[in-house]
């Protein structure tokens, strides 16, 4: 077969990656660039949209030229993206109106507070599947209109485009011809009715938004438009396979059947469980979203999001200066005193699922005179596993499905101590793939399937390393109970 290629972009919180796949689904090249993390004096977190788009074009050029492939052999393009980050830009020029508000940023919490005081928070959850929170784009988009005069002026003239990072990239890549998002990203905005599969006019009104101002929602494997990558290609290629990053990882992991579950370890983490073709509303702090839409059929997931997982390791390195690189943490954790009972709850910007406490404060508990660097580092790693375990347990309870395996991805999964402790705490097998870029792989796989470049046998290319629980039940229960008690101490409610 003549060689053909699929490109995908994984536009994440820390940077942008371009991945290149051959006609057999092999990942043959990667290029990546970080973008600036803009932190204000108030602790607000922003990204420069123009920098993200320029980086997207740059990494695409780099991966193509580094691998010396003929540009005319690229058949299609997929996108996975940081999801709850909100963006606004001008319709006519495509220029950004303000820096994007990153998912981590809680500057819009007062807007959510107003809706909660009005007694409508449960309506939001029932319609959208999502607990009212400034984590999601709805309140962020409302914040733009309240606080950025140019955004409000353009909005009133029906000249403002609003959306998530996928919609921003698609709009730019198609020179303004396509204003679209997919079901996975739409379902994370807190503006989309997961039952009717449409923008919810009642919810939009609560946030001061109009449903018809938002992007068209289409299947995740639909054709989102054509791009020549800003003139880099002689002939445009179709954009297929658009997914929020966690949904991309779910698809890339092959979690395409009801009951399968994965955890993505990134800056924060997403635990996501496929629950079939009907929504399951959580009673324990998870949220309900759409996994994707494929050929007119949608699938649903239960999901929980954690603010600080991989970012805890960054905190150890850059703020506490306890380590020089993340690779040191495994050895330090293994060398820590096994009797030490230090716990760390990394609620630096509150707690996400399943606690949903924006005002929770981080805490280190259980320190003794002999606690030192090794014990603190281990407690930081343990906090990642404990938070994932919180969500695995509630999803099993909400869904009524016994979970026997957790598939995982992301940089921290290279840490063998963490993966073993994760298996010990959940009491199930943890499966680590031999591929790291599961979000981008998922988008590429979906694009290739849509273009019939390959079939579902593609999943056989991913091999797994298995970690099995080895900790006695009594010790597991004691450690986990200690975690729950420390979490209570840091909560505001």
Protein backbone atom coordinates (compact mmCIF):
# COMPACT_ATOMS: atom_id res chain seq x y z
CA UNK A 1 0.00 0.00 0.00
CA UNK A 2 1.22 3.46 -0.87
CA UNK A 3 2.33 5.34 2.22
CA UNK A 4 -0.17 7.83 3.54
CA UNK A 5 -0.16 9.82 6.77
CA UNK A 6 -2.42 11.26 9.44
CA UNK A 7 -1.53 14.34 11.46
CA UNK A 8 -2.91 15.10 14.90
CA UNK A 9 -2.52 17.97 17.29
CA UNK A 10 -2.70 17.58 21.05
CA UNK A 11 -3.20 21.09 22.35
CA UNK A 12 -2.74 20.71 26.11
CA UNK A 13 -2.46 22.98 29.12
CA UNK A 14 1.33 23.17 29.04
CA UNK A 15 2.02 23.09 25.31
CA UNK A 16 1.16 21.88 21.83
CA UNK A 17 2.27 18.60 20.25
CA UNK A 18 2.10 17.51 16.63
CA UNK A 19 1.99 13.75 16.05
CA UNK A 20 2.53 12.04 12.72
CA UNK A 21 1.19 8.54 11.95
CA UNK A 22 1.82 6.31 8.94
CA UNK A 23 -0.84 4.32 7.07
CA UNK A 24 -0.51 1.41 9.52
CA UNK A 25 -1.16 3.62 12.53
CA UNK A 26 2.46 3.75 13.72
CA UNK A 27 3.50 6.94 15.47
CA UNK A 28 6.55 7.99 13.45
CA UNK A 29 7.19 11.53 14.61
CA UNK A 30 6.46 14.15 17.24
CA UNK A 31 7.25 17.82 17.76
CA UNK A 32 6.17 20.01 20.65
CA UNK A 33 6.39 23.55 21.95
CA UNK A 34 5.38 24.98 25.33
CA UNK A 35 3.35 28.15 25.65
CA UNK A 36 3.42 30.80 28.32
CA UNK A 37 1.48 30.23 31.52
CA UNK A 38 0.16 33.70 32.32
CA UNK A 39 -0.47 34.02 36.06
CA UNK A 40 -1.87 37.31 37.38
CA UNK A 41 -1.39 38.82 40.82
CA UNK A 42 -4.87 37.50 41.70
CA UNK A 43 -3.80 33.97 40.74
CA UNK A 44 -5.81 34.00 37.51
CA UNK A 45 -4.49 31.60 34.86
CA UNK A 46 -4.55 32.59 31.18
CA UNK A 47 -3.13 31.52 27.81
CA UNK A 48 -2.38 33.64 24.75
CA UNK A 49 -4.58 32.27 21.95
CA UNK A 50 -2.40 33.64 19.18
CA UNK A 51 0.67 31.99 20.69
CA UNK A 52 -1.19 28.68 20.81
CA UNK A 53 -2.17 28.94 17.14
CA UNK A 54 1.32 29.95 16.01
CA UNK A 55 2.78 27.05 18.00
CA UNK A 56 0.29 24.71 16.34
CA UNK A 57 1.50 25.70 12.88
CA UNK A 58 5.13 25.55 13.99
CA UNK A 59 5.02 22.03 15.43
CA UNK A 60 3.20 20.75 12.34
CA UNK A 61 5.95 22.11 10.11
CA UNK A 62 8.62 20.69 12.38
CA UNK A 63 7.23 17.15 12.49
CA UNK A 64 6.69 17.02 8.72
CA UNK A 65 10.11 18.41 7.84
CA UNK A 66 11.96 16.41 10.49
CA UNK A 67 10.50 13.19 9.10
CA UNK A 68 10.89 14.27 5.47
CA UNK A 69 7.52 13.06 4.30
CA UNK A 70 5.80 14.34 1.15
CA UNK A 71 3.20 16.87 2.22
CA UNK A 72 0.78 15.66 -0.46
CA UNK A 73 0.62 12.25 1.28
CA UNK A 74 -1.05 13.66 4.39
CA UNK A 75 -4.63 12.49 4.21
CA UNK A 76 -6.24 14.10 7.23
CA UNK A 77 -5.97 15.89 10.51
CA UNK A 78 -7.25 15.31 14.05
CA UNK A 79 -7.35 17.54 17.12
CA UNK A 80 -7.40 16.82 20.84
CA UNK A 81 -7.49 19.81 23.15
CA UNK A 82 -7.50 21.11 26.70
CA UNK A 83 -11.20 21.23 27.25
CA UNK A 84 -12.66 23.69 29.73
CA UNK A 85 -10.42 26.58 28.68
CA UNK A 86 -12.62 29.38 27.27
CA UNK A 87 -11.84 31.66 24.35
CA UNK A 88 -13.39 34.66 22.58
CA UNK A 89 -12.40 36.15 19.23
CA UNK A 90 -13.62 38.51 16.55
CA UNK A 91 -15.78 36.99 13.82
CA UNK A 92 -14.59 39.06 10.86
CA UNK A 93 -10.85 39.14 11.51
CA UNK A 94 -10.37 35.98 13.57
CA UNK A 95 -8.28 37.98 16.04
CA UNK A 96 -8.41 37.04 19.70
CA UNK A 97 -10.20 39.57 21.91
CA UNK A 98 -8.59 38.49 25.18
CA UNK A 99 -6.34 35.82 26.58
CA UNK A 100 -8.08 32.48 27.08
CA UNK A 101 -9.25 31.68 30.61
CA UNK A 102 -7.68 28.35 31.53
CA UNK A 103 -9.74 25.56 33.08
CA UNK A 104 -7.76 25.86 36.34
CA UNK A 105 -8.82 29.48 36.81
CA UNK A 106 -11.67 30.19 39.22
CA UNK A 107 -12.03 33.94 38.55
CA UNK A 108 -15.69 33.41 37.59
CA UNK A 109 -16.74 31.82 40.87
CA UNK A 110 -18.91 34.81 41.81
CA UNK A 111 -21.02 34.22 38.69
CA UNK A 112 -21.58 30.63 39.77
CA UNK A 113 -22.36 31.90 43.26
CA UNK A 114 -25.14 34.10 41.88
CA UNK A 115 -26.79 31.14 40.16
CA UNK A 116 -26.44 29.00 43.26
CA UNK A 117 -28.11 31.70 45.37
CA UNK A 118 -30.98 31.83 42.87
CA UNK A 119 -31.67 28.16 43.60
CA UNK A 120 -30.96 26.98 40.05
CA UNK A 121 -27.79 24.97 40.59
CA UNK A 122 -29.60 21.65 40.44
CA UNK A 123 -31.27 22.61 37.15
CA UNK A 124 -27.78 23.13 35.74
CA UNK A 125 -26.70 19.68 36.92
CA UNK A 126 -29.85 17.93 35.72
CA UNK A 127 -29.66 19.45 32.23
CA UNK A 128 -25.90 19.42 31.64
CA UNK A 129 -24.78 16.53 33.85
CA UNK A 130 -22.25 18.86 35.47
CA UNK A 131 -22.06 20.31 38.96
CA UNK A 132 -22.20 24.13 38.90
CA UNK A 133 -18.59 25.28 39.05
CA UNK A 134 -16.28 28.03 37.68
CA UNK A 135 -14.11 25.16 36.40
CA UNK A 136 -16.32 24.95 33.30
CA UNK A 137 -16.51 27.45 30.39
CA UNK A 138 -20.07 28.73 30.96
CA UNK A 139 -19.13 31.14 33.75
CA UNK A 140 -15.82 31.95 32.07
CA UNK A 141 -17.59 33.09 28.89
CA UNK A 142 -19.99 35.12 31.02
CA UNK A 143 -16.98 36.69 32.75
CA UNK A 144 -15.60 37.86 29.39
CA UNK A 145 -18.86 39.65 28.60
CA UNK A 146 -18.95 41.32 32.01
CA UNK A 147 -15.33 42.36 32.20
CA UNK A 148 -13.98 42.84 28.66
CA UNK A 149 -15.74 45.84 27.03
CA UNK A 150 -14.63 44.91 23.51
CA UNK A 151 -16.04 41.39 23.95
CA UNK A 152 -19.43 42.76 25.05
CA UNK A 153 -19.51 45.29 22.22
CA UNK A 154 -18.77 42.63 19.60
CA UNK A 155 -21.23 40.23 21.21
CA UNK A 156 -24.04 42.77 21.04
CA UNK A 157 -23.27 43.23 17.33
CA UNK A 158 -23.24 39.42 16.80
CA UNK A 159 -19.57 39.70 15.88
CA UNK A 160 -18.08 37.68 18.74
CA UNK A 161 -17.15 34.01 18.50
CA UNK A 162 -17.11 32.03 21.72
CA UNK A 163 -15.86 28.57 22.45
CA UNK A 164 -13.25 26.15 23.58
CA UNK A 165 -9.77 25.63 22.17
CA UNK A 166 -10.90 23.13 19.53
CA UNK A 167 -13.30 25.69 18.06
CA UNK A 168 -10.62 28.39 18.10
CA UNK A 169 -8.15 26.15 16.23
CA UNK A 170 -10.74 24.95 13.71
CA UNK A 171 -11.80 28.54 12.99
CA UNK A 172 -8.21 29.64 12.44
CA UNK A 173 -7.19 26.57 10.42
CA UNK A 174 -10.17 26.97 8.06
CA UNK A 175 -9.72 30.74 7.69
CA UNK A 176 -13.00 31.41 9.46
CA UNK A 177 -15.09 29.04 7.32
CA UNK A 178 -15.87 26.56 10.09
CA UNK A 179 -17.35 27.43 13.49
CA UNK A 180 -17.81 23.99 15.00
CA UNK A 181 -17.22 21.87 18.06
CA UNK A 182 -17.82 18.20 18.80
CA UNK A 183 -20.09 16.50 21.33
CA UNK A 184 -17.28 15.78 23.78
CA UNK A 185 -16.17 19.40 24.05
CA UNK A 186 -19.71 20.79 23.98
CA UNK A 187 -20.73 18.56 26.88
CA UNK A 188 -17.98 20.06 29.04
CA UNK A 189 -19.07 23.69 28.63
CA UNK A 190 -21.95 23.49 31.18
CA UNK A 191 -24.16 24.97 28.44
CA UNK A 192 -25.07 21.79 26.55
CA UNK A 193 -28.12 19.65 27.35
CA UNK A 194 -26.86 16.06 27.38
CA UNK A 195 -30.41 14.72 27.00
CA UNK A 196 -31.63 16.78 24.03
CA UNK A 197 -28.11 17.03 22.54
CA UNK A 198 -28.48 20.77 21.94
CA UNK A 199 -27.30 24.00 23.50
CA UNK A 200 -29.64 24.55 26.43
CA UNK A 201 -31.36 27.92 26.02
CA UNK A 202 -32.46 28.07 29.66
CA UNK A 203 -28.93 27.44 30.95
CA UNK A 204 -27.39 29.83 28.44
CA UNK A 205 -29.77 32.53 29.65
CA UNK A 206 -28.68 31.95 33.26
CA UNK A 207 -25.13 32.84 32.22
CA UNK A 208 -26.19 35.80 30.05
CA UNK A 209 -25.48 33.94 26.81
CA UNK A 210 -27.47 33.14 23.67
CA UNK A 211 -27.49 29.59 22.37
CA UNK A 212 -27.38 30.70 18.73
CA UNK A 213 -24.10 32.55 19.38
CA UNK A 214 -22.32 29.25 20.08
CA UNK A 215 -20.62 26.90 17.64
CA UNK A 216 -22.40 24.18 15.68
CA UNK A 217 -22.13 20.83 17.47
CA UNK A 218 -21.32 17.82 15.27
CA UNK A 219 -20.11 14.23 15.60
CA UNK A 220 -16.54 13.80 16.76
CA UNK A 221 -15.65 11.99 13.53
CA UNK A 222 -17.45 14.51 11.30
CA UNK A 223 -15.76 16.66 8.71
CA UNK A 224 -14.95 19.91 10.52
CA UNK A 225 -13.66 21.69 7.47
CA UNK A 226 -10.54 21.74 5.30
CA UNK A 227 -7.19 23.32 6.05
CA UNK A 228 -4.07 24.16 4.10
CA UNK A 229 -2.28 24.90 7.38
CA UNK A 230 -2.01 28.61 6.60
CA UNK A 231 -0.69 28.00 3.09
CA UNK A 232 1.86 25.37 4.10
CA UNK A 233 0.09 22.66 2.09
CA UNK A 234 -0.53 22.98 -1.65
CA UNK A 235 -3.88 21.20 -1.28
CA UNK A 236 -6.12 21.39 1.79
CA UNK A 237 -6.83 18.31 3.89
CA UNK A 238 -9.96 17.48 5.92
CA UNK A 239 -10.15 17.88 9.69
CA UNK A 240 -11.72 14.78 11.27
CA UNK A 241 -11.43 13.34 14.76
CA UNK A 242 -11.93 16.27 17.16
CA UNK A 243 -12.08 15.35 20.83
CA UNK A 244 -11.44 16.87 24.22
CA UNK A 245 -8.11 15.54 25.46
CA UNK A 246 -9.54 13.16 28.06
CA UNK A 247 -12.05 11.80 25.57
CA UNK A 248 -9.22 11.38 23.07
CA UNK A 249 -7.31 9.36 25.65
CA UNK A 250 -10.41 7.22 26.32
CA UNK A 251 -10.73 6.50 22.60
CA UNK A 252 -6.98 5.99 22.18
CA UNK A 253 -6.98 3.51 25.08
CA UNK A 254 -9.64 1.48 23.31
CA UNK A 255 -12.22 2.12 26.05
CA UNK A 256 -15.03 1.92 23.52
CA UNK A 257 -17.29 -0.46 25.47
CA UNK A 258 -19.56 0.11 28.45
CA UNK A 259 -17.79 -0.37 31.80
CA UNK A 260 -14.27 0.43 30.61
CA UNK A 261 -12.44 3.15 32.58
CA UNK A 262 -9.25 5.17 32.23
CA UNK A 263 -7.33 7.82 34.13
CA UNK A 264 -5.26 10.49 32.41
CA UNK A 265 -2.45 11.90 34.55
CA UNK A 266 -1.57 15.35 33.33
CA UNK A 267 -1.29 18.74 35.01
CA UNK A 268 -4.59 17.73 36.53
CA UNK A 269 -6.30 14.41 36.00
CA UNK A 270 -9.43 13.06 34.43
CA UNK A 271 -10.95 9.75 35.41
CA UNK A 272 -13.48 8.69 32.81
CA UNK A 273 -15.77 5.67 32.62
CA UNK A 274 -17.75 4.60 29.55
CA UNK A 275 -21.36 4.06 30.71
CA UNK A 276 -23.03 3.25 27.39
CA UNK A 277 -25.63 4.99 25.24
CA UNK A 278 -27.70 6.43 28.11
CA UNK A 279 -26.57 9.05 30.65
CA UNK A 280 -25.94 8.06 34.28
CA UNK A 281 -26.25 10.97 36.70
CA UNK A 282 -23.87 10.67 39.64
CA UNK A 283 -25.08 10.94 43.21
CA UNK A 284 -21.56 11.09 44.63
CA UNK A 285 -19.73 13.98 42.96
CA UNK A 286 -18.81 12.76 39.49
CA UNK A 287 -20.24 14.47 36.42
CA UNK A 288 -21.87 13.09 33.30
CA UNK A 289 -20.54 13.99 29.87
CA UNK A 290 -20.61 12.70 26.34
CA UNK A 291 -17.72 10.47 25.38
CA UNK A 292 -18.12 11.30 21.69
CA UNK A 293 -20.53 11.16 18.82
CA UNK A 294 -19.76 8.77 15.96
CA UNK A 295 -21.90 8.41 12.84
CA UNK A 296 -24.98 9.83 14.55
CA UNK A 297 -24.72 7.81 17.76
CA UNK A 298 -23.48 9.22 21.07
CA UNK A 299 -21.87 7.48 24.04
CA UNK A 300 -21.83 8.77 27.62
CA UNK A 301 -19.26 8.80 30.39
CA UNK A 302 -19.01 9.43 34.09
CA UNK A 303 -16.05 11.68 34.79
CA UNK A 304 -14.24 13.26 37.66
CA UNK A 305 -11.63 15.99 37.31
CA UNK A 306 -8.80 16.67 39.72
CA UNK A 307 -7.05 20.05 39.76
CA UNK A 308 -3.58 18.96 40.93
CA UNK A 309 -1.91 15.67 40.06
CA UNK A 310 1.10 16.09 37.77
CA UNK A 311 1.17 19.70 38.93
CA UNK A 312 1.99 18.43 42.42
CA UNK A 313 5.28 17.11 41.06
CA UNK A 314 5.94 20.48 39.41
CA UNK A 315 5.27 22.11 42.80
CA UNK A 316 7.87 19.85 44.44
CA UNK A 317 10.38 20.88 41.82
CA UNK A 318 9.78 24.57 41.20
CA UNK A 319 8.30 25.85 44.44
CA UNK A 320 9.72 23.63 47.18
CA UNK A 321 12.96 22.87 45.27
CA UNK A 322 12.96 19.36 46.74
CA UNK A 323 13.76 17.72 43.40
CA UNK A 324 15.52 18.70 40.20
CA UNK A 325 13.35 16.56 37.93
CA UNK A 326 10.25 14.38 38.11
CA UNK A 327 12.39 11.29 37.51
CA UNK A 328 13.79 11.59 41.06
CA UNK A 329 10.45 11.03 42.75
CA UNK A 330 10.26 7.28 42.23
CA UNK A 331 13.55 6.55 44.01
CA UNK A 332 12.81 8.98 46.84
CA UNK A 333 9.36 7.46 47.43
CA UNK A 334 10.74 3.93 47.51
CA UNK A 335 13.41 5.00 50.01
CA UNK A 336 10.95 6.78 52.35
CA UNK A 337 10.28 5.43 55.83
CA UNK A 338 7.47 2.87 55.40
CA UNK A 339 6.05 3.73 58.85
CA UNK A 340 5.76 7.46 58.14
CA UNK A 341 2.15 8.69 58.05
CA UNK A 342 2.52 11.97 56.18
CA UNK A 343 -0.42 12.95 53.97
CA UNK A 344 -0.57 15.81 51.48
CA UNK A 345 -3.86 17.14 50.10
CA UNK A 346 -2.92 19.43 47.15
CA UNK A 347 -5.96 21.72 47.30
CA UNK A 348 -3.97 24.69 46.01
CA UNK A 349 -6.96 25.98 44.03
CA UNK A 350 -9.64 24.16 45.96
CA UNK A 351 -10.79 20.59 45.38
CA UNK A 352 -12.48 19.27 42.25
CA UNK A 353 -14.43 16.02 42.01
CA UNK A 354 -15.84 14.45 44.07
CA UNK A 355 -15.63 17.20 46.74
CA UNK A 356 -16.29 20.35 44.69
CA UNK A 357 -14.97 22.74 47.31
CA UNK A 358 -13.48 25.84 45.66
CA UNK A 359 -12.35 27.19 49.03
CA UNK A 360 -10.60 24.09 50.38
CA UNK A 361 -7.01 24.75 51.45
CA UNK A 362 -3.97 22.55 50.84
CA UNK A 363 -2.64 20.71 53.86
CA UNK A 364 0.27 18.51 54.96
CA UNK A 365 -0.68 16.31 57.91
CA UNK A 366 1.00 13.62 59.99
CA UNK A 367 4.54 14.98 59.95
CA UNK A 368 6.86 13.67 62.66
CA UNK A 369 10.39 14.65 63.68
CA UNK A 370 11.83 12.04 61.33
CA UNK A 371 9.72 13.08 58.34
CA UNK A 372 11.92 14.55 55.63
CA UNK A 373 12.22 15.12 51.89
CA UNK A 374 11.63 11.50 50.96
CA UNK A 375 8.45 11.30 53.00
CA UNK A 376 7.05 14.55 51.63
CA UNK A 377 7.80 13.46 48.06
CA UNK A 378 6.10 10.13 48.68
CA UNK A 379 3.08 11.88 50.21
CA UNK A 380 2.84 14.03 47.07
CA UNK A 381 2.82 10.94 44.83
CA UNK A 382 0.38 9.19 47.13
CA UNK A 383 -1.99 12.16 46.88
CA UNK A 384 -2.28 11.55 43.15
CA UNK A 385 -3.27 7.91 43.66
CA UNK A 386 -5.68 8.72 46.48
CA UNK A 387 -7.52 11.29 44.37
CA UNK A 388 -7.84 8.83 41.48
CA UNK A 389 -9.09 6.17 43.90
CA UNK A 390 -11.78 8.55 45.20
CA UNK A 391 -13.23 8.71 41.72
CA UNK A 392 -12.88 5.05 40.77
CA UNK A 393 -14.83 4.11 43.90
CA UNK A 394 -17.72 6.51 43.34
CA UNK A 395 -18.03 5.59 39.65
CA UNK A 396 -18.37 1.94 40.52
CA UNK A 397 -21.11 2.87 42.97
CA UNK A 398 -22.93 5.25 40.60
CA UNK A 399 -22.85 2.91 37.61
CA UNK A 400 -23.44 -0.36 39.42
CA UNK A 401 -20.71 -1.89 37.25
CA UNK A 402 -17.84 -3.76 38.89
CA UNK A 403 -14.53 -2.24 37.83
CA UNK A 404 -11.69 -4.74 37.47
CA UNK A 405 -9.18 -2.78 35.42
CA UNK A 406 -7.98 0.81 35.19
CA UNK A 407 -6.21 1.95 32.02
CA UNK A 408 -3.90 4.91 32.56
CA UNK A 409 -1.90 7.39 30.51
CA UNK A 410 0.20 10.52 30.90
CA UNK A 411 3.74 11.36 32.01
CA UNK A 412 3.40 10.32 35.70
CA UNK A 413 2.51 6.77 34.64
CA UNK A 414 6.22 6.19 34.03
CA UNK A 415 6.64 6.26 37.81
CA UNK A 416 6.55 2.59 38.89
CA UNK A 417 6.07 3.47 42.56
CA UNK A 418 3.00 5.56 41.73
CA UNK A 419 1.49 2.91 39.46
CA UNK A 420 1.96 0.16 42.05
CA UNK A 421 0.47 2.35 44.79
CA UNK A 422 -2.43 3.18 42.45
CA UNK A 423 -3.14 -0.53 42.01
CA UNK A 424 -2.83 -1.11 45.76
CA UNK A 425 -5.28 1.67 46.61
CA UNK A 426 -7.92 0.79 44.00
CA UNK A 427 -7.48 -2.94 44.53
CA UNK A 428 -7.61 -3.59 40.78
CA UNK A 429 -5.13 -4.04 37.96
CA UNK A 430 -3.60 -0.91 36.47
CA UNK A 431 -2.74 -1.12 32.77
CA UNK A 432 -0.01 1.20 31.47
CA UNK A 433 0.29 1.42 27.66
CA UNK A 434 3.60 1.50 25.83
CA UNK A 435 2.44 4.72 24.17
CA UNK A 436 2.35 8.06 26.00
CA UNK A 437 0.45 10.42 23.75
CA UNK A 438 -2.97 8.81 24.13
CA UNK A 439 -4.98 12.03 23.66
CA UNK A 440 -3.35 12.78 20.32
CA UNK A 441 -3.42 9.10 19.39
CA UNK A 442 -7.16 8.99 20.03
CA UNK A 443 -7.77 11.98 17.73
CA UNK A 444 -5.55 10.43 15.05
CA UNK A 445 -7.23 7.03 15.34
CA UNK A 446 -10.65 8.64 14.95
CA UNK A 447 -9.51 10.65 11.93
CA UNK A 448 -7.97 7.56 10.30
CA UNK A 449 -11.12 5.52 10.95
CA UNK A 450 -13.31 8.28 9.49
CA UNK A 451 -11.12 8.33 6.37
CA UNK A 452 -11.10 4.49 6.25
CA UNK A 453 -7.31 4.48 6.39
CA UNK A 454 -7.47 1.71 9.02
CA UNK A 455 -10.02 -0.25 11.10
CA UNK A 456 -10.41 -1.06 14.81
CA UNK A 457 -7.54 -3.57 14.60
CA UNK A 458 -5.47 -0.43 15.15
CA UNK A 459 -5.83 -0.94 18.92
CA UNK A 460 -3.71 -4.09 18.75
CA UNK A 461 -0.66 -1.86 18.27
CA UNK A 462 -0.79 -0.72 21.90
CA UNK A 463 0.84 -3.07 24.42
CA UNK A 464 0.19 -2.88 28.18
CA UNK A 465 2.31 -3.26 31.32
CA UNK A 466 0.18 -4.56 34.18
CA UNK A 467 0.45 -3.63 37.87
CA UNK A 468 -1.49 -5.86 40.28
CA UNK A 469 -2.46 -5.03 43.89
CA UNK A 470 -0.04 -6.42 46.48
CA UNK A 471 -1.06 -4.58 49.67
CA UNK A 472 -3.11 -6.41 52.26
CA UNK A 473 -6.75 -5.30 52.53
CA UNK A 474 -6.34 -4.10 56.13
CA UNK A 475 -3.40 -1.84 55.25
CA UNK A 476 -5.18 -0.52 52.17
CA UNK A 477 -8.28 0.37 54.17
CA UNK A 478 -6.24 2.00 56.93
CA UNK A 479 -4.24 4.16 54.52
CA UNK A 480 -7.30 5.20 52.56
CA UNK A 481 -9.27 6.02 55.69
CA UNK A 482 -6.38 8.22 56.82
CA UNK A 483 -6.58 10.06 53.51
CA UNK A 484 -10.32 10.70 53.88
CA UNK A 485 -9.83 12.08 57.38
CA UNK A 486 -7.14 14.52 56.24
CA UNK A 487 -9.29 15.68 53.32
CA UNK A 488 -12.03 16.59 55.80
CA UNK A 489 -9.57 18.82 57.66
CA UNK A 490 -8.81 20.95 54.60
CA UNK A 491 -12.37 21.47 53.43
CA UNK A 492 -14.21 24.73 53.98
CA UNK A 493 -17.65 23.20 54.47
